[in-house]
Amino acid sequence: MFRRGESSNTDVSAEETAVTDGDSAVDPVAYTAGKGRPTPKRRDAQGKRRGPVAPAPLTNKEARARRKATAGSKVDRKEASAQRRAASQDRRARMLAGEDKYLLPRDKGPVRAYVRDIVDGRRNLVGLFMPMALLLILSMFVAPALQTIVTLVMLVMLVFMMAEGVLLGRIVNNRVRERYPDSADGGFKLGWYAFVRASQIRKMRAPKPRVGPGDAI
């Protein structure tokens, strides 16, 4: 038989053993301490890696000297300028020749090239608009007395030009629908493109005409 004191000691020992076994059964939770500062932005981090930024120039002379230092020698600048000029001239020549890669967005595509050929293959009354406008301006300075007559003639010509522009737009849209039935390019926008092309002096048209007046398209 156990004595009263021994029984108490035995119970306490059993409780301590149970607590110890329970603690060993539960895994401790891992805890990572915070950095104590916010995560830097990518732009700031890249800026720090680039090194210190040079201070702004204090005088115009210092600014010119810094530009010369970064631009290279005079010979290098001339050579680079000549290369840029040659590249620009080459792009313009290709654009005037009608290469689709170098054309403006409004001129790109086989439909627009076909419209240009239709316009360039016609003798358009609309093409007289710019010469008549120049004649009106000159008459205002040379012979003010003829200004009224020239203005009246200009109004009559303008009515005929508008009528021809409407007719040209219909012709262009009909022929485009026949040649390119699946094309979404048409309507007023295509007619206006043809009208603007026809109103320009032939030598000033860009891209340059590929056909002459009267040629079959």
C-alpha atoms as a PDB file:
ATOM      1  CA  MET A   1       0.000   0.000   0.000  1.00  0.00           C
ATOM      2  CA  PHE A   2       1.136   3.498  -0.746  1.00  0.00           C
ATOM      3  CA  ARG A   3       1.250   6.169   1.764  1.00  0.00           C
ATOM      4  CA  ARG A   4      -0.610   9.391   1.355  1.00  0.00           C
ATOM      5  CA  GLY A   5       2.529  11.419   0.592  1.00  0.00           C
ATOM      6  CA  GLU A   6       3.789   8.934  -1.923  1.00  0.00           C
ATOM      7  CA  SER A   7       0.431   8.937  -3.739  1.00  0.00           C
ATOM      8  CA  SER A   8       0.558  12.722  -4.141  1.00  0.00           C
ATOM      9  CA  ASN A   9       4.087  12.616  -5.473  1.00  0.00           C
ATOM     10  CA  THR A  10       3.113   9.900  -7.914  1.00  0.00           C
ATOM     11  CA  ASP A  11       0.159  11.957  -9.275  1.00  0.00           C
ATOM     12  CA  VAL A  12       2.341  15.050  -9.730  1.00  0.00           C
ATOM     13  CA  SER A  13       4.966  13.022 -11.589  1.00  0.00           C
ATOM     14  CA  ALA A  14       2.300  11.529 -13.865  1.00  0.00           C
ATOM     15  CA  GLU A  15       0.906  14.987 -14.718  1.00  0.00           C
ATOM     16  CA  GLU A  16       4.384  16.333 -15.548  1.00  0.00           C
ATOM     17  CA  THR A  17       5.036  13.324 -17.769  1.00  0.00           C
ATOM     18  CA  ALA A  18       1.724  13.878 -19.622  1.00  0.00           C
ATOM     19  CA  VAL A  19       2.457  17.554 -20.153  1.00  0.00           C
ATOM     20  CA  THR A  20       5.943  16.738 -21.414  1.00  0.00           C
ATOM     21  CA  ASP A  21       4.601  14.153 -23.844  1.00  0.00           C
ATOM     22  CA  GLY A  22       1.950  16.597 -25.140  1.00  0.00           C
ATOM     23  CA  ASP A  23       4.507  19.322 -25.798  1.00  0.00           C
ATOM     24  CA  SER A  24       6.729  16.934 -27.680  1.00  0.00           C
ATOM     25  CA  ALA A  25       3.797  15.845 -29.873  1.00  0.00           C
ATOM     26  CA  VAL A  26       3.074  19.397 -31.104  1.00  0.00           C
ATOM     27  CA  ASP A  27       5.587  20.854 -33.549  1.00  0.00           C
ATOM     28  CA  PRO A  28       6.677  24.420 -32.861  1.00  0.00           C
ATOM     29  CA  VAL A  29       5.362  27.039 -35.306  1.00  0.00           C
ATOM     30  CA  ALA A  30       8.123  28.635 -37.420  1.00  0.00           C
ATOM     31  CA  TYR A  31       8.214  32.449 -37.209  1.00  0.00           C
ATOM     32  CA  THR A  32      10.163  34.735 -39.565  1.00  0.00           C
ATOM     33  CA  ALA A  33      10.982  38.150 -38.350  1.00  0.00           C
ATOM     34  CA  GLY A  34      10.003  41.077 -40.623  1.00  0.00           C
ATOM     35  CA  LYS A  35      12.552  43.212 -42.489  1.00  0.00           C
ATOM     36  CA  GLY A  36      11.396  46.305 -40.690  1.00  0.00           C
ATOM     37  CA  ARG A  37      11.231  48.315 -43.962  1.00  0.00           C
ATOM     38  CA  PRO A  38       9.014  48.314 -47.122  1.00  0.00           C
ATOM     39  CA  THR A  39      10.115  46.454 -50.242  1.00  0.00           C
ATOM     40  CA  PRO A  40      11.750  48.954 -52.644  1.00  0.00           C
ATOM     41  CA  LYS A  41      10.208  49.545 -56.073  1.00  0.00           C
ATOM     42  CA  ARG A  42      11.922  48.064 -59.111  1.00  0.00           C
ATOM     43  CA  ARG A  43      12.595  51.514 -60.557  1.00  0.00           C
ATOM     44  CA  ASP A  44      14.317  52.636 -57.357  1.00  0.00           C
ATOM     45  CA  ALA A  45      16.334  49.439 -57.140  1.00  0.00           C
ATOM     46  CA  GLN A  46      17.525  49.774 -60.753  1.00  0.00           C
ATOM     47  CA  GLY A  47      18.373  53.427 -60.169  1.00  0.00           C
ATOM     48  CA  LYS A  48      20.557  52.466 -57.227  1.00  0.00           C
ATOM     49  CA  ARG A  49      22.390  49.867 -59.302  1.00  0.00           C
ATOM     50  CA  ARG A  50      23.199  52.424 -62.009  1.00  0.00           C
ATOM     51  CA  GLY A  51      25.354  54.411 -59.704  1.00  0.00           C
ATOM     52  CA  PRO A  52      25.291  58.041 -58.686  1.00  0.00           C
ATOM     53  CA  VAL A  53      23.650  60.614 -60.975  1.00  0.00           C
ATOM     54  CA  ALA A  54      25.850  63.448 -62.181  1.00  0.00           C
ATOM     55  CA  PRO A  55      24.824  66.851 -60.836  1.00  0.00           C
ATOM     56  CA  ALA A  56      23.095  69.278 -63.164  1.00  0.00           C
ATOM     57  CA  PRO A  57      25.336  71.764 -64.978  1.00  0.00           C
ATOM     58  CA  LEU A  58      25.545  75.169 -63.307  1.00  0.00           C
ATOM     59  CA  THR A  59      26.325  77.257 -66.402  1.00  0.00           C
ATOM     60  CA  ASN A  60      25.587  77.141 -70.131  1.00  0.00           C
ATOM     61  CA  LYS A  61      29.279  76.647 -70.853  1.00  0.00           C
ATOM     62  CA  GLU A  62      29.377  73.595 -68.646  1.00  0.00           C
ATOM     63  CA  ALA A  63      26.232  72.237 -70.325  1.00  0.00           C
ATOM     64  CA  ARG A  64      27.763  72.678 -73.797  1.00  0.00           C
ATOM     65  CA  ALA A  65      30.947  70.983 -72.694  1.00  0.00           C
ATOM     66  CA  ARG A  66      28.987  68.053 -71.295  1.00  0.00           C
ATOM     67  CA  ARG A  67      27.001  67.698 -74.537  1.00  0.00           C
ATOM     68  CA  LYS A  68      30.181  67.704 -76.572  1.00  0.00           C
ATOM     69  CA  ALA A  69      31.723  65.072 -74.309  1.00  0.00           C
ATOM     70  CA  THR A  70      28.739  62.757 -74.647  1.00  0.00           C
ATOM     71  CA  ALA A  71      28.216  63.371 -78.386  1.00  0.00           C
ATOM     72  CA  GLY A  72      31.725  62.369 -79.374  1.00  0.00           C
ATOM     73  CA  SER A  73      34.118  64.125 -81.683  1.00  0.00           C
ATOM     74  CA  LYS A  74      33.134  66.538 -84.447  1.00  0.00           C
ATOM     75  CA  VAL A  75      33.962  63.967 -87.120  1.00  0.00           C
ATOM     76  CA  ASP A  76      31.751  61.361 -85.440  1.00  0.00           C
ATOM     77  CA  ARG A  77      28.861  63.816 -85.228  1.00  0.00           C
ATOM     78  CA  LYS A  78      29.172  64.719 -88.905  1.00  0.00           C
ATOM     79  CA  GLU A  79      29.302  61.068 -89.888  1.00  0.00           C
ATOM     80  CA  ALA A  80      26.242  60.236 -87.776  1.00  0.00           C
ATOM     81  CA  SER A  81      24.365  63.211 -89.241  1.00  0.00           C
ATOM     82  CA  ALA A  82      25.267  62.131 -92.782  1.00  0.00           C
ATOM     83  CA  GLN A  83      24.039  58.598 -92.061  1.00  0.00           C
ATOM     84  CA  ARG A  84      20.733  59.872 -90.680  1.00  0.00           C
ATOM     85  CA  ARG A  85      20.286  62.137 -93.704  1.00  0.00           C
ATOM     86  CA  ALA A  86      21.032  59.293 -96.124  1.00  0.00           C
ATOM     87  CA  ALA A  87      18.619  56.979 -94.299  1.00  0.00           C
ATOM     88  CA  SER A  88      15.900  59.631 -94.390  1.00  0.00           C
ATOM     89  CA  GLN A  89      16.411  60.220 -98.112  1.00  0.00           C
ATOM     90  CA  ASP A  90      16.301  56.483 -98.765  1.00  0.00           C
ATOM     91  CA  ARG A  91      13.031  56.125 -96.833  1.00  0.00           C
ATOM     92  CA  ARG A  92      11.493  59.037 -98.735  1.00  0.00           C
ATOM     93  CA  ALA A  93      12.592  57.614-102.083  1.00  0.00           C
ATOM     94  CA  ARG A  94      11.050  54.254-101.218  1.00  0.00           C
ATOM     95  CA  MET A  95       7.867  55.964-100.058  1.00  0.00           C
ATOM     96  CA  LEU A  96       7.571  57.932-103.306  1.00  0.00           C
ATOM     97  CA  ALA A  97       8.185  54.716-105.240  1.00  0.00           C
ATOM     98  CA  GLY A  98       5.162  53.188-103.504  1.00  0.00           C
ATOM     99  CA  GLU A  99       6.817  50.510-101.348  1.00  0.00           C
ATOM    100  CA  ASP A 100       4.102  49.523 -98.899  1.00  0.00           C
ATOM    101  CA  LYS A 101       6.511  49.227 -95.956  1.00  0.00           C
ATOM    102  CA  TYR A 102       7.448  52.914 -96.128  1.00  0.00           C
ATOM    103  CA  LEU A 103       4.024  54.394 -96.859  1.00  0.00           C
ATOM    104  CA  LEU A 104       1.875  56.334 -94.436  1.00  0.00           C
ATOM    105  CA  PRO A 105      -0.959  54.325 -92.830  1.00  0.00           C
ATOM    106  CA  ARG A 106      -3.548  56.061 -95.054  1.00  0.00           C
ATOM    107  CA  ASP A 107      -1.715  54.915 -98.233  1.00  0.00           C
ATOM    108  CA  LYS A 108      -0.993  51.297 -97.290  1.00  0.00           C
ATOM    109  CA  GLY A 109      -2.635  48.289 -98.837  1.00  0.00           C
ATOM    110  CA  PRO A 110      -3.513  47.073-102.334  1.00  0.00           C
ATOM    111  CA  VAL A 111      -6.914  48.811-102.251  1.00  0.00           C
ATOM    112  CA  ARG A 112      -5.398  52.264-101.759  1.00  0.00           C
ATOM    113  CA  ALA A 113      -2.791  51.557-104.453  1.00  0.00           C
ATOM    114  CA  TYR A 114      -5.594  50.595-106.845  1.00  0.00           C
ATOM    115  CA  VAL A 115      -7.485  53.805-106.027  1.00  0.00           C
ATOM    116  CA  ARG A 116      -4.371  55.869-106.730  1.00  0.00           C
ATOM    117  CA  ASP A 117      -4.017  54.177-110.107  1.00  0.00           C
ATOM    118  CA  ILE A 118      -7.647  54.952-110.958  1.00  0.00           C
ATOM    119  CA  VAL A 119      -7.194  58.618-110.069  1.00  0.00           C
ATOM    120  CA  ASP A 120      -3.829  58.931-111.811  1.00  0.00           C
ATOM    121  CA  GLY A 121      -5.209  57.324-114.968  1.00  0.00           C
ATOM    122  CA  ARG A 122      -7.885  60.059-115.303  1.00  0.00           C
ATOM    123  CA  ARG A 123      -7.817  63.709-116.287  1.00  0.00           C
ATOM    124  CA  ASN A 124      -9.654  65.242-113.367  1.00  0.00           C
ATOM    125  CA  LEU A 125     -11.243  68.675-113.290  1.00  0.00           C
ATOM    126  CA  VAL A 126     -10.604  68.679-109.549  1.00  0.00           C
ATOM    127  CA  GLY A 127      -6.904  69.022-110.303  1.00  0.00           C
ATOM    128  CA  LEU A 128      -7.512  72.635-111.341  1.00  0.00           C
ATOM    129  CA  PHE A 129      -8.490  73.634-107.824  1.00  0.00           C
ATOM    130  CA  MET A 130      -5.011  74.568-106.603  1.00  0.00           C
ATOM    131  CA  PRO A 131      -4.012  76.515-109.765  1.00  0.00           C
ATOM    132  CA  MET A 132      -7.302  78.414-109.650  1.00  0.00           C
ATOM    133  CA  ALA A 133      -6.777  79.242-105.980  1.00  0.00           C
ATOM    134  CA  LEU A 134      -3.316  80.613-106.784  1.00  0.00           C
ATOM    135  CA  LEU A 135      -4.797  82.641-109.637  1.00  0.00           C
ATOM    136  CA  LEU A 136      -7.355  84.162-107.288  1.00  0.00           C
ATOM    137  CA  ILE A 137      -4.692  85.158-104.779  1.00  0.00           C
ATOM    138  CA  LEU A 138      -2.536  86.762-107.495  1.00  0.00           C
ATOM    139  CA  SER A 139      -5.487  88.643-108.934  1.00  0.00           C
ATOM    140  CA  MET A 140      -6.134  90.271-105.567  1.00  0.00           C
ATOM    141  CA  PHE A 141      -2.710  91.941-105.768  1.00  0.00           C
ATOM    142  CA  VAL A 142      -2.196  92.451-109.510  1.00  0.00           C
ATOM    143  CA  ALA A 143      -5.680  93.467-110.693  1.00  0.00           C
ATOM    144  CA  PRO A 144      -8.115  94.201-107.882  1.00  0.00           C
ATOM    145  CA  ALA A 145     -10.747  95.193-110.446  1.00  0.00           C
ATOM    146  CA  LEU A 146     -10.844  91.606-111.761  1.00  0.00           C
ATOM    147  CA  GLN A 147     -11.285  90.115-108.322  1.00  0.00           C
ATOM    148  CA  THR A 148     -15.085  89.914-108.641  1.00  0.00           C
ATOM    149  CA  ILE A 149     -14.925  88.145-112.000  1.00  0.00           C
ATOM    150  CA  VAL A 150     -12.269  85.704-110.830  1.00  0.00           C
ATOM    151  CA  THR A 151     -14.235  84.976-107.659  1.00  0.00           C
ATOM    152  CA  LEU A 152     -17.366  84.212-109.698  1.00  0.00           C
ATOM    153  CA  VAL A 153     -15.399  81.908-111.970  1.00  0.00           C
ATOM    154  CA  MET A 154     -13.951  80.201-108.908  1.00  0.00           C
ATOM    155  CA  LEU A 155     -17.410  79.559-107.482  1.00  0.00           C
ATOM    156  CA  VAL A 156     -18.592  78.028-110.747  1.00  0.00           C
ATOM    157  CA  MET A 157     -15.478  75.873-110.917  1.00  0.00           C
ATOM    158  CA  LEU A 158     -15.976  74.829-107.306  1.00  0.00           C
ATOM    159  CA  VAL A 159     -19.494  73.577-108.061  1.00  0.00           C
ATOM    160  CA  PHE A 160     -18.213  71.513-110.985  1.00  0.00           C
ATOM    161  CA  MET A 161     -15.359  70.177-108.869  1.00  0.00           C
ATOM    162  CA  MET A 162     -17.718  69.057-106.120  1.00  0.00           C
ATOM    163  CA  ALA A 163     -19.913  67.298-108.668  1.00  0.00           C
ATOM    164  CA  GLU A 164     -16.902  65.568-110.170  1.00  0.00           C
ATOM    165  CA  GLY A 165     -15.707  64.600-106.671  1.00  0.00           C
ATOM    166  CA  VAL A 166     -19.025  62.847-105.991  1.00  0.00           C
ATOM    167  CA  LEU A 167     -18.842  61.086-109.360  1.00  0.00           C
ATOM    168  CA  LEU A 168     -15.223  60.066-108.764  1.00  0.00           C
ATOM    169  CA  GLY A 169     -16.108  58.647-105.344  1.00  0.00           C
ATOM    170  CA  ARG A 170     -18.847  56.478-106.849  1.00  0.00           C
ATOM    171  CA  ILE A 171     -16.564  55.255-109.642  1.00  0.00           C
ATOM    172  CA  VAL A 172     -13.813  54.358-107.169  1.00  0.00           C
ATOM    173  CA  ASN A 173     -16.139  52.530-104.783  1.00  0.00           C
ATOM    174  CA  ASN A 174     -17.786  50.531-107.592  1.00  0.00           C
ATOM    175  CA  ARG A 175     -14.477  49.435-109.075  1.00  0.00           C
ATOM    176  CA  VAL A 176     -13.029  48.560-105.681  1.00  0.00           C
ATOM    177  CA  ARG A 177     -16.067  46.380-104.911  1.00  0.00           C
ATOM    178  CA  GLU A 178     -15.541  44.589-108.217  1.00  0.00           C
ATOM    179  CA  ARG A 179     -11.797  44.062-107.748  1.00  0.00           C
ATOM    180  CA  TYR A 180     -11.773  43.497-103.963  1.00  0.00           C
ATOM    181  CA  PRO A 181     -15.239  42.251-102.934  1.00  0.00           C
ATOM    182  CA  ASP A 182     -14.036  41.201 -99.457  1.00  0.00           C
ATOM    183  CA  SER A 183     -12.436  44.549 -98.624  1.00  0.00           C
ATOM    184  CA  ALA A 184     -13.917  46.577 -95.764  1.00  0.00           C
ATOM    185  CA  ASP A 185     -12.377  49.787 -97.137  1.00  0.00           C
ATOM    186  CA  GLY A 186     -14.989  51.827 -98.941  1.00  0.00           C
ATOM    187  CA  GLY A 187     -17.710  54.402 -98.669  1.00  0.00           C
ATOM    188  CA  PHE A 188     -17.150  58.070 -97.984  1.00  0.00           C
ATOM    189  CA  LYS A 189     -13.634  57.552 -96.601  1.00  0.00           C
ATOM    190  CA  LEU A 190     -12.399  55.918 -99.791  1.00  0.00           C
ATOM    191  CA  GLY A 191     -14.152  58.520-101.949  1.00  0.00           C
ATOM    192  CA  TRP A 192     -12.563  61.339 -99.959  1.00  0.00           C
ATOM    193  CA  TYR A 193      -9.151  59.704-100.363  1.00  0.00           C
ATOM    194  CA  ALA A 194      -9.640  59.675-104.136  1.00  0.00           C
ATOM    195  CA  PHE A 195     -10.873  63.296-104.142  1.00  0.00           C
ATOM    196  CA  VAL A 196      -7.847  64.558-102.189  1.00  0.00           C
ATOM    197  CA  ARG A 197      -5.513  62.654-104.500  1.00  0.00           C
ATOM    198  CA  ALA A 198      -7.222  64.098-107.580  1.00  0.00           C
ATOM    199  CA  SER A 199      -7.121  67.670-106.230  1.00  0.00           C
ATOM    200  CA  GLN A 200      -3.323  67.603-105.955  1.00  0.00           C
ATOM    201  CA  ILE A 201      -1.024  68.699-108.760  1.00  0.00           C
ATOM    202  CA  ARG A 202       0.207  65.567-110.501  1.00  0.00           C
ATOM    203  CA  LYS A 203       3.893  66.240-109.895  1.00  0.00           C
ATOM    204  CA  MET A 204       3.284  66.842-106.186  1.00  0.00           C
ATOM    205  CA  ARG A 205       1.417  63.591-105.535  1.00  0.00           C
ATOM    206  CA  ALA A 206       2.966  61.144-103.088  1.00  0.00           C
ATOM    207  CA  PRO A 207       3.455  58.291-103.774  1.00  0.00           C
ATOM    208  CA  LYS A 208       4.278  59.183-107.339  1.00  0.00           C
ATOM    209  CA  PRO A 209       1.834  58.069-110.061  1.00  0.00           C
ATOM    210  CA  ARG A 210       2.547  54.675-111.591  1.00  0.00           C
ATOM    211  CA  VAL A 211       0.273  55.207-114.605  1.00  0.00           C
ATOM    212  CA  GLY A 212      -0.317  58.079-116.993  1.00  0.00           C
ATOM    213  CA  PRO A 213      -3.570  59.754-118.028  1.00  0.00           C
ATOM    214  CA  GLY A 214      -5.567  57.464-120.300  1.00  0.00           C
ATOM    215  CA  ASP A 215      -3.729  54.264-119.342  1.00  0.00           C
ATOM    216  CA  ALA A 216      -5.863  51.176-118.802  1.00  0.00           C
ATOM    217  CA  ILE A 217      -6.135  50.138-115.155  1.00  0.00           C
END
